[in-house]
Amino acid sequence: MADVAPTACIYVLAGTNGAGKSSLAGAMFLAAGVEYFNPDQAAQLIRARHPGASQTDAAKATALTRMLWWATHDGQSYEAALGYAPLPEVAIQSDEAQILKIMVDGKQALPTDIATPAAS
């Protein structure tokens, strides 16, 4: 029987904040010897290395917020083809609120002609 090369595999673990993803599943991955990227630890490391860092490039902030707004709204039309569940309205409203908080030089980064929150 010929040797078969191992197949690379990426597991994505998603869930609400505080659900125990990092604590429980992360510990299970590490115990199994699986590489594990913990975004919470990465964010802590970035904040520690760059205290007070913020986006000052308006073009980058606009591009980021436009992409986030698109993913929250127009990007939802791709959910079925990609096998994702659609975002519930409460998640869309939460995303909108967070995206609208992204500022550059004291101004909202997302252009106001794009920032049209969903009707409740």
PDB file of N, CA and C in Angstrom:
ATOM      1  N   MET A   1       0.841  -1.172   0.000  1.00  0.00           N
ATOM      2  CA  MET A   1       0.000   0.000   0.000  1.00  0.00           C
ATOM      3  C   MET A   1       0.884   1.232   0.000  1.00  0.00           C
ATOM      4  N   ALA A   2       0.586   2.171  -0.869  1.00  0.00           N
ATOM      5  CA  ALA A   2       1.388   3.385  -0.986  1.00  0.00           C
ATOM      6  C   ALA A   2       1.137   4.303   0.202  1.00  0.00           C
ATOM      7  N   ASP A   3       2.215   5.007   0.580  1.00  0.00           N
ATOM      8  CA  ASP A   3       2.061   5.985   1.654  1.00  0.00           C
ATOM      9  C   ASP A   3       1.169   7.122   1.171  1.00  0.00           C
ATOM     10  N   VAL A   4       0.303   7.542   2.022  1.00  0.00           N
ATOM     11  CA  VAL A   4      -0.585   8.657   1.705  1.00  0.00           C
ATOM     12  C   VAL A   4      -0.163   9.842   2.554  1.00  0.00           C
ATOM     13  N   ALA A   5       0.043  10.974   1.888  1.00  0.00           N
ATOM     14  CA  ALA A   5       0.436  12.175   2.610  1.00  0.00           C
ATOM     15  C   ALA A   5      -0.718  12.631   3.509  1.00  0.00           C
ATOM     16  N   PRO A   6      -0.390  13.093   4.700  1.00  0.00           N
ATOM     17  CA  PRO A   6      -1.461  13.582   5.574  1.00  0.00           C
ATOM     18  C   PRO A   6      -2.157  14.780   4.938  1.00  0.00           C
ATOM     19  N   THR A   7      -3.421  14.886   5.183  1.00  0.00           N
ATOM     20  CA  THR A   7      -4.205  15.989   4.655  1.00  0.00           C
ATOM     21  C   THR A   7      -4.212  17.117   5.673  1.00  0.00           C
ATOM     22  N   ALA A   8      -3.883  18.317   5.190  1.00  0.00           N
ATOM     23  CA  ALA A   8      -3.938  19.478   6.070  1.00  0.00           C
ATOM     24  C   ALA A   8      -5.389  19.778   6.389  1.00  0.00           C
ATOM     25  N   CYS A   9      -5.616  20.243   7.585  1.00  0.00           N
ATOM     26  CA  CYS A   9      -6.985  20.510   8.001  1.00  0.00           C
ATOM     27  C   CYS A   9      -7.000  21.734   8.899  1.00  0.00           C
ATOM     28  N   ILE A  10      -7.953  22.601   8.683  1.00  0.00           N
ATOM     29  CA  ILE A  10      -8.130  23.782   9.533  1.00  0.00           C
ATOM     30  C   ILE A  10      -9.496  23.665  10.184  1.00  0.00           C
ATOM     31  N   TYR A  11      -9.522  23.779  11.490  1.00  0.00           N
ATOM     32  CA  TYR A  11     -10.768  23.787  12.234  1.00  0.00           C
ATOM     33  C   TYR A  11     -11.028  25.214  12.685  1.00  0.00           C
ATOM     34  N   VAL A  12     -12.229  25.676  12.545  1.00  0.00           N
ATOM     35  CA  VAL A  12     -12.613  27.001  13.007  1.00  0.00           C
ATOM     36  C   VAL A  12     -13.648  26.809  14.099  1.00  0.00           C
ATOM     37  N   LEU A  13     -13.365  27.382  15.233  1.00  0.00           N
ATOM     38  CA  LEU A  13     -14.269  27.287  16.364  1.00  0.00           C
ATOM     39  C   LEU A  13     -14.846  28.674  16.603  1.00  0.00           C
ATOM     40  N   ALA A  14     -16.138  28.804  16.458  1.00  0.00           N
ATOM     41  CA  ALA A  14     -16.783  30.109  16.609  1.00  0.00           C
ATOM     42  C   ALA A  14     -17.893  30.013  17.636  1.00  0.00           C
ATOM     43  N   GLY A  15     -18.138  31.096  18.281  1.00  0.00           N
ATOM     44  CA  GLY A  15     -19.221  31.159  19.250  1.00  0.00           C
ATOM     45  C   GLY A  15     -19.248  32.518  19.909  1.00  0.00           C
ATOM     46  N   THR A  16     -20.188  32.711  20.784  1.00  0.00           N
ATOM     47  CA  THR A  16     -20.339  33.999  21.438  1.00  0.00           C
ATOM     48  C   THR A  16     -19.206  34.246  22.424  1.00  0.00           C
ATOM     49  N   ASN A  17     -19.000  35.516  22.745  1.00  0.00           N
ATOM     50  CA  ASN A  17     -17.999  35.886  23.737  1.00  0.00           C
ATOM     51  C   ASN A  17     -18.340  35.215  25.055  1.00  0.00           C
ATOM     52  N   GLY A  18     -17.320  34.699  25.714  1.00  0.00           N
ATOM     53  CA  GLY A  18     -17.511  34.101  27.020  1.00  0.00           C
ATOM     54  C   GLY A  18     -18.073  32.693  27.013  1.00  0.00           C
ATOM     55  N   ALA A  19     -18.166  32.078  25.827  1.00  0.00           N
ATOM     56  CA  ALA A  19     -18.743  30.735  25.747  1.00  0.00           C
ATOM     57  C   ALA A  19     -17.757  29.644  26.147  1.00  0.00           C
ATOM     58  N   GLY A  20     -16.478  29.984  26.259  1.00  0.00           N
ATOM     59  CA  GLY A  20     -15.482  29.005  26.661  1.00  0.00           C
ATOM     60  C   GLY A  20     -14.651  28.449  25.521  1.00  0.00           C
ATOM     61  N   LYS A  21     -14.708  29.096  24.368  1.00  0.00           N
ATOM     62  CA  LYS A  21     -13.956  28.596  23.206  1.00  0.00           C
ATOM     63  C   LYS A  21     -12.464  28.513  23.517  1.00  0.00           C
ATOM     64  N   SER A  22     -11.897  29.620  23.988  1.00  0.00           N
ATOM     65  CA  SER A  22     -10.465  29.660  24.263  1.00  0.00           C
ATOM     66  C   SER A  22     -10.107  28.759  25.431  1.00  0.00           C
ATOM     67  N   SER A  23     -10.902  28.800  26.473  1.00  0.00           N
ATOM     68  CA  SER A  23     -10.595  28.040  27.682  1.00  0.00           C
ATOM     69  C   SER A  23     -10.720  26.537  27.471  1.00  0.00           C
ATOM     70  N   LEU A  24     -11.844  26.096  26.965  1.00  0.00           N
ATOM     71  CA  LEU A  24     -12.102  24.665  26.856  1.00  0.00           C
ATOM     72  C   LEU A  24     -11.544  24.050  25.582  1.00  0.00           C
ATOM     73  N   ALA A  25     -12.020  24.520  24.450  1.00  0.00           N
ATOM     74  CA  ALA A  25     -11.576  23.918  23.192  1.00  0.00           C
ATOM     75  C   ALA A  25     -10.105  24.206  22.935  1.00  0.00           C
ATOM     76  N   GLY A  26      -9.659  25.423  23.289  1.00  0.00           N
ATOM     77  CA  GLY A  26      -8.247  25.744  23.113  1.00  0.00           C
ATOM     78  C   GLY A  26      -7.361  24.796  23.898  1.00  0.00           C
ATOM     79  N   ALA A  27      -7.756  24.502  25.129  1.00  0.00           N
ATOM     80  CA  ALA A  27      -6.996  23.563  25.957  1.00  0.00           C
ATOM     81  C   ALA A  27      -7.020  22.165  25.351  1.00  0.00           C
ATOM     82  N   MET A  28      -8.149  21.777  24.776  1.00  0.00           N
ATOM     83  CA  MET A  28      -8.247  20.459  24.139  1.00  0.00           C
ATOM     84  C   MET A  28      -7.323  20.381  22.924  1.00  0.00           C
ATOM     85  N   PHE A  29      -7.309  21.448  22.119  1.00  0.00           N
ATOM     86  CA  PHE A  29      -6.421  21.466  20.954  1.00  0.00           C
ATOM     87  C   PHE A  29      -4.968  21.329  21.392  1.00  0.00           C
ATOM     88  N   LEU A  30      -4.579  22.122  22.383  1.00  0.00           N
ATOM     89  CA  LEU A  30      -3.196  22.084  22.855  1.00  0.00           C
ATOM     90  C   LEU A  30      -2.837  20.715  23.435  1.00  0.00           C
ATOM     91  N   ALA A  31      -3.749  20.114  24.181  1.00  0.00           N
ATOM     92  CA  ALA A  31      -3.508  18.791  24.763  1.00  0.00           C
ATOM     93  C   ALA A  31      -3.342  17.735  23.681  1.00  0.00           C
ATOM     94  N   ALA A  32      -4.005  17.939  22.546  1.00  0.00           N
ATOM     95  CA  ALA A  32      -3.908  16.993  21.435  1.00  0.00           C
ATOM     96  C   ALA A  32      -2.698  17.280  20.553  1.00  0.00           C
ATOM     97  N   GLY A  33      -1.931  18.322  20.901  1.00  0.00           N
ATOM     98  CA  GLY A  33      -0.753  18.660  20.111  1.00  0.00           C
ATOM     99  C   GLY A  33      -1.073  19.378  18.818  1.00  0.00           C
ATOM    100  N   VAL A  34      -2.251  19.990  18.769  1.00  0.00           N
ATOM    101  CA  VAL A  34      -2.682  20.696  17.566  1.00  0.00           C
ATOM    102  C   VAL A  34      -2.322  22.167  17.703  1.00  0.00           C
ATOM    103  N   GLU A  35      -1.807  22.752  16.621  1.00  0.00           N
ATOM    104  CA  GLU A  35      -1.522  24.186  16.650  1.00  0.00           C
ATOM    105  C   GLU A  35      -2.834  24.927  16.823  1.00  0.00           C
ATOM    106  N   TYR A  36      -2.765  26.002  17.596  1.00  0.00           N
ATOM    107  CA  TYR A  36      -3.981  26.713  17.955  1.00  0.00           C
ATOM    108  C   TYR A  36      -3.710  28.197  17.943  1.00  0.00           C
ATOM    109  N   PHE A  37      -4.500  28.948  17.209  1.00  0.00           N
ATOM    110  CA  PHE A  37      -4.402  30.407  17.194  1.00  0.00           C
ATOM    111  C   PHE A  37      -5.511  30.956  18.064  1.00  0.00           C
ATOM    112  N   ASN A  38      -5.128  31.671  19.084  1.00  0.00           N
ATOM    113  CA  ASN A  38      -6.091  32.264  19.994  1.00  0.00           C
ATOM    114  C   ASN A  38      -6.130  33.767  19.719  1.00  0.00           C
ATOM    115  N   PRO A  39      -7.201  34.258  19.086  1.00  0.00           N
ATOM    116  CA  PRO A  39      -7.258  35.685  18.762  1.00  0.00           C
ATOM    117  C   PRO A  39      -7.266  36.580  19.992  1.00  0.00           C
ATOM    118  N   ASP A  40      -7.780  36.079  21.118  1.00  0.00           N
ATOM    119  CA  ASP A  40      -7.769  36.879  22.343  1.00  0.00           C
ATOM    120  C   ASP A  40      -6.336  37.123  22.804  1.00  0.00           C
ATOM    121  N   GLN A  41      -5.515  36.072  22.779  1.00  0.00           N
ATOM    122  CA  GLN A  41      -4.116  36.222  23.173  1.00  0.00           C
ATOM    123  C   GLN A  41      -3.372  37.123  22.190  1.00  0.00           C
ATOM    124  N   ALA A  42      -3.678  36.993  20.904  1.00  0.00           N
ATOM    125  CA  ALA A  42      -3.031  37.825  19.895  1.00  0.00           C
ATOM    126  C   ALA A  42      -3.365  39.298  20.128  1.00  0.00           C
ATOM    127  N   ALA A  43      -4.628  39.586  20.425  1.00  0.00           N
ATOM    128  CA  ALA A  43      -5.041  40.970  20.672  1.00  0.00           C
ATOM    129  C   ALA A  43      -4.343  41.522  21.917  1.00  0.00           C
ATOM    130  N   GLN A  44      -4.233  40.705  22.971  1.00  0.00           N
ATOM    131  CA  GLN A  44      -3.547  41.136  24.190  1.00  0.00           C
ATOM    132  C   GLN A  44      -2.084  41.459  23.901  1.00  0.00           C
ATOM    133  N   LEU A  45      -1.449  40.618  23.105  1.00  0.00           N
ATOM    134  CA  LEU A  45      -0.042  40.825  22.759  1.00  0.00           C
ATOM    135  C   LEU A  45       0.139  42.112  21.952  1.00  0.00           C
ATOM    136  N   ILE A  46      -0.730  42.333  20.992  1.00  0.00           N
ATOM    137  CA  ILE A  46      -0.643  43.552  20.172  1.00  0.00           C
ATOM    138  C   ILE A  46      -0.837  44.792  21.045  1.00  0.00           C
ATOM    139  N   ARG A  47      -1.859  44.759  21.923  1.00  0.00           N
ATOM    140  CA  ARG A  47      -2.098  45.919  22.797  1.00  0.00           C
ATOM    141  C   ARG A  47      -0.920  46.160  23.737  1.00  0.00           C
ATOM    142  N   ALA A  48      -0.291  45.084  24.232  1.00  0.00           N
ATOM    143  CA  ALA A  48       0.846  45.227  25.137  1.00  0.00           C
ATOM    144  C   ALA A  48       2.056  45.825  24.412  1.00  0.00           C
ATOM    145  N   ARG A  49       2.261  45.412  23.171  1.00  0.00           N
ATOM    146  CA  ARG A  49       3.413  45.904  22.405  1.00  0.00           C
ATOM    147  C   ARG A  49       3.192  47.299  21.826  1.00  0.00           C
ATOM    148  N   HIS A  50       1.920  47.672  21.655  1.00  0.00           N
ATOM    149  CA  HIS A  50       1.602  48.963  21.036  1.00  0.00           C
ATOM    150  C   HIS A  50       0.504  49.671  21.824  1.00  0.00           C
ATOM    151  N   PRO A  51       0.799  50.049  23.085  1.00  0.00           N
ATOM    152  CA  PRO A  51      -0.246  50.680  23.890  1.00  0.00           C
ATOM    153  C   PRO A  51      -0.714  51.991  23.253  1.00  0.00           C
ATOM    154  N   GLY A  52      -2.004  52.197  23.275  1.00  0.00           N
ATOM    155  CA  GLY A  52      -2.570  53.428  22.727  1.00  0.00           C
ATOM    156  C   GLY A  52      -2.609  53.491  21.211  1.00  0.00           C
ATOM    157  N   ALA A  53      -2.278  52.389  20.550  1.00  0.00           N
ATOM    158  CA  ALA A  53      -2.269  52.396  19.091  1.00  0.00           C
ATOM    159  C   ALA A  53      -3.676  52.600  18.555  1.00  0.00           C
ATOM    160  N   SER A  54      -3.781  53.366  17.503  1.00  0.00           N
ATOM    161  CA  SER A  54      -5.067  53.558  16.844  1.00  0.00           C
ATOM    162  C   SER A  54      -4.812  53.828  15.365  1.00  0.00           C
ATOM    163  N   GLN A  55      -5.840  53.652  14.582  1.00  0.00           N
ATOM    164  CA  GLN A  55      -5.718  53.869  13.149  1.00  0.00           C
ATOM    165  C   GLN A  55      -5.725  55.371  12.871  1.00  0.00           C
ATOM    166  N   THR A  56      -4.708  55.838  12.177  1.00  0.00           N
ATOM    167  CA  THR A  56      -4.646  57.252  11.817  1.00  0.00           C
ATOM    168  C   THR A  56      -4.712  57.440  10.306  1.00  0.00           C
ATOM    169  N   ASP A  57      -4.691  56.350   9.559  1.00  0.00           N
ATOM    170  CA  ASP A  57      -4.762  56.424   8.102  1.00  0.00           C
ATOM    171  C   ASP A  57      -6.229  56.318   7.686  1.00  0.00           C
ATOM    172  N   ALA A  58      -6.802  57.436   7.274  1.00  0.00           N
ATOM    173  CA  ALA A  58      -8.231  57.479   6.938  1.00  0.00           C
ATOM    174  C   ALA A  58      -8.587  56.509   5.822  1.00  0.00           C
ATOM    175  N   ALA A  59      -7.711  56.346   4.837  1.00  0.00           N
ATOM    176  CA  ALA A  59      -8.005  55.439   3.716  1.00  0.00           C
ATOM    177  C   ALA A  59      -8.107  53.993   4.201  1.00  0.00           C
ATOM    178  N   LYS A  60      -7.199  53.587   5.093  1.00  0.00           N
ATOM    179  CA  LYS A  60      -7.244  52.222   5.630  1.00  0.00           C
ATOM    180  C   LYS A  60      -8.479  52.019   6.493  1.00  0.00           C
ATOM    181  N   ALA A  61      -8.794  53.000   7.317  1.00  0.00           N
ATOM    182  CA  ALA A  61      -9.969  52.891   8.179  1.00  0.00           C
ATOM    183  C   ALA A  61     -11.245  52.830   7.350  1.00  0.00           C
ATOM    184  N   THR A  62     -11.311  53.622   6.291  1.00  0.00           N
ATOM    185  CA  THR A  62     -12.488  53.601   5.417  1.00  0.00           C
ATOM    186  C   THR A  62     -12.602  52.247   4.725  1.00  0.00           C
ATOM    187  N   ALA A  63     -11.497  51.728   4.215  1.00  0.00           N
ATOM    188  CA  ALA A  63     -11.523  50.425   3.542  1.00  0.00           C
ATOM    189  C   ALA A  63     -11.972  49.331   4.511  1.00  0.00           C
ATOM    190  N   LEU A  64     -11.453  49.359   5.723  1.00  0.00           N
ATOM    191  CA  LEU A  64     -11.835  48.356   6.727  1.00  0.00           C
ATOM    192  C   LEU A  64     -13.321  48.448   7.053  1.00  0.00           C
ATOM    193  N   THR A  65     -13.797  49.640   7.350  1.00  0.00           N
ATOM    194  CA  THR A  65     -15.200  49.771   7.733  1.00  0.00           C
ATOM    195  C   THR A  65     -16.136  49.452   6.577  1.00  0.00           C
ATOM    196  N   ARG A  66     -15.747  49.790   5.360  1.00  0.00           N
ATOM    197  CA  ARG A  66     -16.582  49.441   4.199  1.00  0.00           C
ATOM    198  C   ARG A  66     -16.674  47.922   4.050  1.00  0.00           C
ATOM    199  N   MET A  67     -15.534  47.230   4.234  1.00  0.00           N
ATOM    200  CA  MET A  67     -15.533  45.774   4.122  1.00  0.00           C
ATOM    201  C   MET A  67     -16.400  45.155   5.220  1.00  0.00           C
ATOM    202  N   LEU A  68     -16.277  45.647   6.450  1.00  0.00           N
ATOM    203  CA  LEU A  68     -17.078  45.122   7.551  1.00  0.00           C
ATOM    204  C   LEU A  68     -18.571  45.366   7.308  1.00  0.00           C
ATOM    205  N   TRP A  69     -18.912  46.556   6.818  1.00  0.00           N
ATOM    206  CA  TRP A  69     -20.321  46.879   6.535  1.00  0.00           C
ATOM    207  C   TRP A  69     -20.847  45.977   5.425  1.00  0.00           C
ATOM    208  N   TRP A  70     -20.018  45.777   4.385  1.00  0.00           N
ATOM    209  CA  TRP A  70     -20.420  44.900   3.271  1.00  0.00           C
ATOM    210  C   TRP A  70     -20.669  43.476   3.787  1.00  0.00           C
ATOM    211  N   ALA A  71     -19.745  42.955   4.601  1.00  0.00           N
ATOM    212  CA  ALA A  71     -19.888  41.585   5.113  1.00  0.00           C
ATOM    213  C   ALA A  71     -21.146  41.447   5.961  1.00  0.00           C
ATOM    214  N   THR A  72     -21.487  42.489   6.703  1.00  0.00           N
ATOM    215  CA  THR A  72     -22.659  42.467   7.568  1.00  0.00           C
ATOM    216  C   THR A  72     -23.956  42.578   6.772  1.00  0.00           C
ATOM    217  N   HIS A  73     -23.892  43.196   5.602  1.00  0.00           N
ATOM    218  CA  HIS A  73     -25.105  43.443   4.820  1.00  0.00           C
ATOM    219  C   HIS A  73     -25.094  42.672   3.498  1.00  0.00           C
ATOM    220  N   ASP A  74     -24.490  43.236   2.465  1.00  0.00           N
ATOM    221  CA  ASP A  74     -24.507  42.617   1.137  1.00  0.00           C
ATOM    222  C   ASP A  74     -23.862  41.235   1.133  1.00  0.00           C
ATOM    223  N   GLY A  75     -22.830  41.052   1.941  1.00  0.00           N
ATOM    224  CA  GLY A  75     -22.152  39.767   1.999  1.00  0.00           C
ATOM    225  C   GLY A  75     -23.039  38.638   2.483  1.00  0.00           C
ATOM    226  N   GLN A  76     -24.118  38.968   3.157  1.00  0.00           N
ATOM    227  CA  GLN A  76     -25.043  37.948   3.644  1.00  0.00           C
ATOM    228  C   GLN A  76     -25.701  37.176   2.504  1.00  0.00           C
ATOM    229  N   SER A  77     -25.720  37.759   1.316  1.00  0.00           N
ATOM    230  CA  SER A  77     -26.333  37.059   0.178  1.00  0.00           C
ATOM    231  C   SER A  77     -25.532  35.830  -0.240  1.00  0.00           C
ATOM    232  N   TYR A  78     -24.301  35.700   0.249  1.00  0.00           N
ATOM    233  CA  TYR A  78     -23.457  34.552  -0.095  1.00  0.00           C
ATOM    234  C   TYR A  78     -23.542  33.427   0.933  1.00  0.00           C
ATOM    235  N   GLU A  79     -24.274  33.650   2.024  1.00  0.00           N
ATOM    236  CA  GLU A  79     -24.273  32.686   3.120  1.00  0.00           C
ATOM    237  C   GLU A  79     -24.729  31.297   2.705  1.00  0.00           C
ATOM    238  N   ALA A  80     -25.757  31.197   1.899  1.00  0.00           N
ATOM    239  CA  ALA A  80     -26.270  29.874   1.526  1.00  0.00           C
ATOM    240  C   ALA A  80     -25.248  29.114   0.678  1.00  0.00           C
ATOM    241  N   ALA A  81     -24.656  29.806  -0.294  1.00  0.00           N
ATOM    242  CA  ALA A  81     -23.683  29.158  -1.181  1.00  0.00           C
ATOM    243  C   ALA A  81     -22.440  28.708  -0.414  1.00  0.00           C
ATOM    244  N   LEU A  82     -22.111  29.426   0.658  1.00  0.00           N
ATOM    245  CA  LEU A  82     -20.922  29.086   1.446  1.00  0.00           C
ATOM    246  C   LEU A  82     -21.240  28.167   2.623  1.00  0.00           C
ATOM    247  N   GLY A  83     -22.509  27.869   2.814  1.00  0.00           N
ATOM    248  CA  GLY A  83     -22.896  26.975   3.890  1.00  0.00           C
ATOM    249  C   GLY A  83     -22.950  27.637   5.252  1.00  0.00           C
ATOM    250  N   TYR A  84     -23.094  28.954   5.273  1.00  0.00           N
ATOM    251  CA  TYR A  84     -23.183  29.680   6.535  1.00  0.00           C
ATOM    252  C   TYR A  84     -24.637  29.973   6.868  1.00  0.00           C
ATOM    253  N   ALA A  85     -24.900  30.157   8.127  1.00  0.00           N
ATOM    254  CA  ALA A  85     -26.220  30.608   8.563  1.00  0.00           C
ATOM    255  C   ALA A  85     -26.257  32.129   8.442  1.00  0.00           C
ATOM    256  N   PRO A  86     -27.397  32.677   8.086  1.00  0.00           N
ATOM    257  CA  PRO A  86     -27.488  34.138   8.003  1.00  0.00           C
ATOM    258  C   PRO A  86     -27.360  34.762   9.393  1.00  0.00           C
ATOM    259  N   LEU A  87     -26.854  35.977   9.429  1.00  0.00           N
ATOM    260  CA  LEU A  87     -26.758  36.674  10.708  1.00  0.00           C
ATOM    261  C   LEU A  87     -28.149  37.038  11.194  1.00  0.00           C
ATOM    262  N   PRO A  88     -28.425  36.798  12.458  1.00  0.00           N
ATOM    263  CA  PRO A  88     -29.716  37.248  12.990  1.00  0.00           C
ATOM    264  C   PRO A  88     -29.726  38.777  13.080  1.00  0.00           C
ATOM    265  N   GLU A  89     -30.893  39.347  13.064  1.00  0.00           N
ATOM    266  CA  GLU A  89     -31.034  40.814  13.092  1.00  0.00           C
ATOM    267  C   GLU A  89     -30.303  41.431  14.281  1.00  0.00           C
ATOM    268  N   VAL A  90     -30.361  40.800  15.442  1.00  0.00           N
ATOM    269  CA  VAL A  90     -29.686  41.347  16.622  1.00  0.00           C
ATOM    270  C   VAL A  90     -28.173  41.411  16.396  1.00  0.00           C
ATOM    271  N   ALA A  91     -27.597  40.451  15.682  1.00  0.00           N
ATOM    272  CA  ALA A  91     -26.164  40.467  15.384  1.00  0.00           C
ATOM    273  C   ALA A  91     -25.835  41.580  14.394  1.00  0.00           C
ATOM    274  N   ILE A  92     -26.701  41.767  13.407  1.00  0.00           N
ATOM    275  CA  ILE A  92     -26.484  42.845  12.433  1.00  0.00           C
ATOM    276  C   ILE A  92     -26.500  44.192  13.140  1.00  0.00           C
ATOM    277  N   GLN A  93     -27.464  44.394  14.013  1.00  0.00           N
ATOM    278  CA  GLN A  93     -27.556  45.661  14.747  1.00  0.00           C
ATOM    279  C   GLN A  93     -26.334  45.870  15.630  1.00  0.00           C
ATOM    280  N   SER A  94     -25.857  44.807  16.271  1.00  0.00           N
ATOM    281  CA  SER A  94     -24.661  44.908  17.106  1.00  0.00           C
ATOM    282  C   SER A  94     -23.436  45.234  16.260  1.00  0.00           C
ATOM    283  N   ASP A  95     -23.304  44.549  15.112  1.00  0.00           N
ATOM    284  CA  ASP A  95     -22.185  44.825  14.207  1.00  0.00           C
ATOM    285  C   ASP A  95     -22.208  46.277  13.749  1.00  0.00           C
ATOM    286  N   GLU A  96     -23.392  46.751  13.351  1.00  0.00           N
ATOM    287  CA  GLU A  96     -23.509  48.136  12.893  1.00  0.00           C
ATOM    288  C   GLU A  96     -23.035  49.106  13.964  1.00  0.00           C
ATOM    289  N   ALA A  97     -23.479  48.886  15.191  1.00  0.00           N
ATOM    290  CA  ALA A  97     -23.104  49.783  16.287  1.00  0.00           C
ATOM    291  C   ALA A  97     -21.592  49.801  16.484  1.00  0.00           C
ATOM    292  N   GLN A  98     -20.960  48.632  16.404  1.00  0.00           N
ATOM    293  CA  GLN A  98     -19.511  48.563  16.594  1.00  0.00           C
ATOM    294  C   GLN A  98     -18.762  49.193  15.422  1.00  0.00           C
ATOM    295  N   ILE A  99     -19.212  48.946  14.204  1.00  0.00           N
ATOM    296  CA  ILE A  99     -18.551  49.521  13.024  1.00  0.00           C
ATOM    297  C   ILE A  99     -18.640  51.046  13.070  1.00  0.00           C
ATOM    298  N   LEU A 100     -19.781  51.569  13.480  1.00  0.00           N
ATOM    299  CA  LEU A 100     -19.970  53.019  13.535  1.00  0.00           C
ATOM    300  C   LEU A 100     -19.122  53.677  14.614  1.00  0.00           C
ATOM    301  N   LYS A 101     -18.563  52.902  15.535  1.00  0.00           N
ATOM    302  CA  LYS A 101     -17.685  53.442  16.577  1.00  0.00           C
ATOM    303  C   LYS A 101     -16.251  53.622  16.087  1.00  0.00           C
ATOM    304  N   ILE A 102     -15.913  53.059  14.939  1.00  0.00           N
ATOM    305  CA  ILE A 102     -14.537  53.158  14.440  1.00  0.00           C
ATOM    306  C   ILE A 102     -14.321  54.578  13.922  1.00  0.00           C
ATOM    307  N   MET A 103     -13.357  55.251  14.529  1.00  0.00           N
ATOM    308  CA  MET A 103     -13.102  56.662  14.238  1.00  0.00           C
ATOM    309  C   MET A 103     -11.672  56.871  13.745  1.00  0.00           C
ATOM    310  N   VAL A 104     -11.505  57.942  12.986  1.00  0.00           N
ATOM    311  CA  VAL A 104     -10.187  58.402  12.569  1.00  0.00           C
ATOM    312  C   VAL A 104     -10.177  59.913  12.763  1.00  0.00           C
ATOM    313  N   ASP A 105      -9.236  60.372  13.551  1.00  0.00           N
ATOM    314  CA  ASP A 105      -9.138  61.804  13.839  1.00  0.00           C
ATOM    315  C   ASP A 105     -10.465  62.378  14.330  1.00  0.00           C
ATOM    316  N   GLY A 106     -11.153  61.616  15.176  1.00  0.00           N
ATOM    317  CA  GLY A 106     -12.390  62.085  15.770  1.00  0.00           C
ATOM    318  C   GLY A 106     -13.614  62.022  14.876  1.00  0.00           C
ATOM    319  N   LYS A 107     -13.458  61.460  13.679  1.00  0.00           N
ATOM    320  CA  LYS A 107     -14.587  61.359  12.749  1.00  0.00           C
ATOM    321  C   LYS A 107     -14.890  59.898  12.464  1.00  0.00           C
ATOM    322  N   GLN A 108     -16.166  59.609  12.221  1.00  0.00           N
ATOM    323  CA  GLN A 108     -16.574  58.252  11.863  1.00  0.00           C
ATOM    324  C   GLN A 108     -15.848  57.829  10.585  1.00  0.00           C
ATOM    325  N   ALA A 109     -15.234  56.650  10.617  1.00  0.00           N
ATOM    326  CA  ALA A 109     -14.456  56.179   9.465  1.00  0.00           C
ATOM    327  C   ALA A 109     -15.343  55.760   8.298  1.00  0.00           C
ATOM    328  N   LEU A 110     -16.506  55.182   8.584  1.00  0.00           N
ATOM    329  CA  LEU A 110     -17.402  54.737   7.520  1.00  0.00           C
ATOM    330  C   LEU A 110     -18.127  55.940   6.943  1.00  0.00           C
ATOM    331  N   PRO A 111     -18.038  56.138   5.625  1.00  0.00           N
ATOM    332  CA  PRO A 111     -18.750  57.277   5.016  1.00  0.00           C
ATOM    333  C   PRO A 111     -20.238  57.235   5.347  1.00  0.00           C
ATOM    334  N   THR A 112     -20.810  58.394   5.604  1.00  0.00           N
ATOM    335  CA  THR A 112     -22.203  58.468   6.014  1.00  0.00           C
ATOM    336  C   THR A 112     -23.155  58.007   4.919  1.00  0.00           C
ATOM    337  N   ASP A 113     -22.745  58.068   3.645  1.00  0.00           N
ATOM    338  CA  ASP A 113     -23.639  57.602   2.589  1.00  0.00           C
ATOM    339  C   ASP A 113     -23.735  56.071   2.569  1.00  0.00           C
ATOM    340  N   ILE A 114     -22.831  55.402   3.257  1.00  0.00           N
ATOM    341  CA  ILE A 114     -22.859  53.934   3.355  1.00  0.00           C
ATOM    342  C   ILE A 114     -23.511  53.510   4.671  1.00  0.00           C
ATOM    343  N   ALA A 115     -23.253  54.265   5.718  1.00  0.00           N
ATOM    344  CA  ALA A 115     -23.720  53.927   7.064  1.00  0.00           C
ATOM    345  C   ALA A 115     -25.208  54.149   7.220  1.00  0.00           C
ATOM    346  N   THR A 116     -25.972  53.194   6.758  1.00  0.00           N
ATOM    347  CA  THR A 116     -27.427  53.244   6.896  1.00  0.00           C
ATOM    348  C   THR A 116     -27.840  52.023   7.704  1.00  0.00           C
ATOM    349  N   PRO A 117     -27.978  52.192   9.030  1.00  0.00           N
ATOM    350  CA  PRO A 117     -28.367  51.049   9.861  1.00  0.00           C
ATOM    351  C   PRO A 117     -29.664  50.405   9.389  1.00  0.00           C
ATOM    352  N   ALA A 118     -29.751  49.103   9.604  1.00  0.00           N
ATOM    353  CA  ALA A 118     -30.947  48.335   9.226  1.00  0.00           C
ATOM    354  C   ALA A 118     -32.135  48.827  10.039  1.00  0.00           C
ATOM    355  N   ALA A 119     -33.277  48.794   9.401  1.00  0.00           N
ATOM    356  CA  ALA A 119     -34.513  49.164  10.102  1.00  0.00           C
ATOM    357  C   ALA A 119     -34.859  48.061  11.090  1.00  0.00           C
ATOM    358  N   SER A 120     -35.269  48.437  12.257  1.00  0.00           N
ATOM    359  CA  SER A 120     -35.621  47.448  13.277  1.00  0.00           C
ATOM    360  C   SER A 120     -36.971  46.868  13.007  1.00  0.00           C
TER     361      SER A 120
END
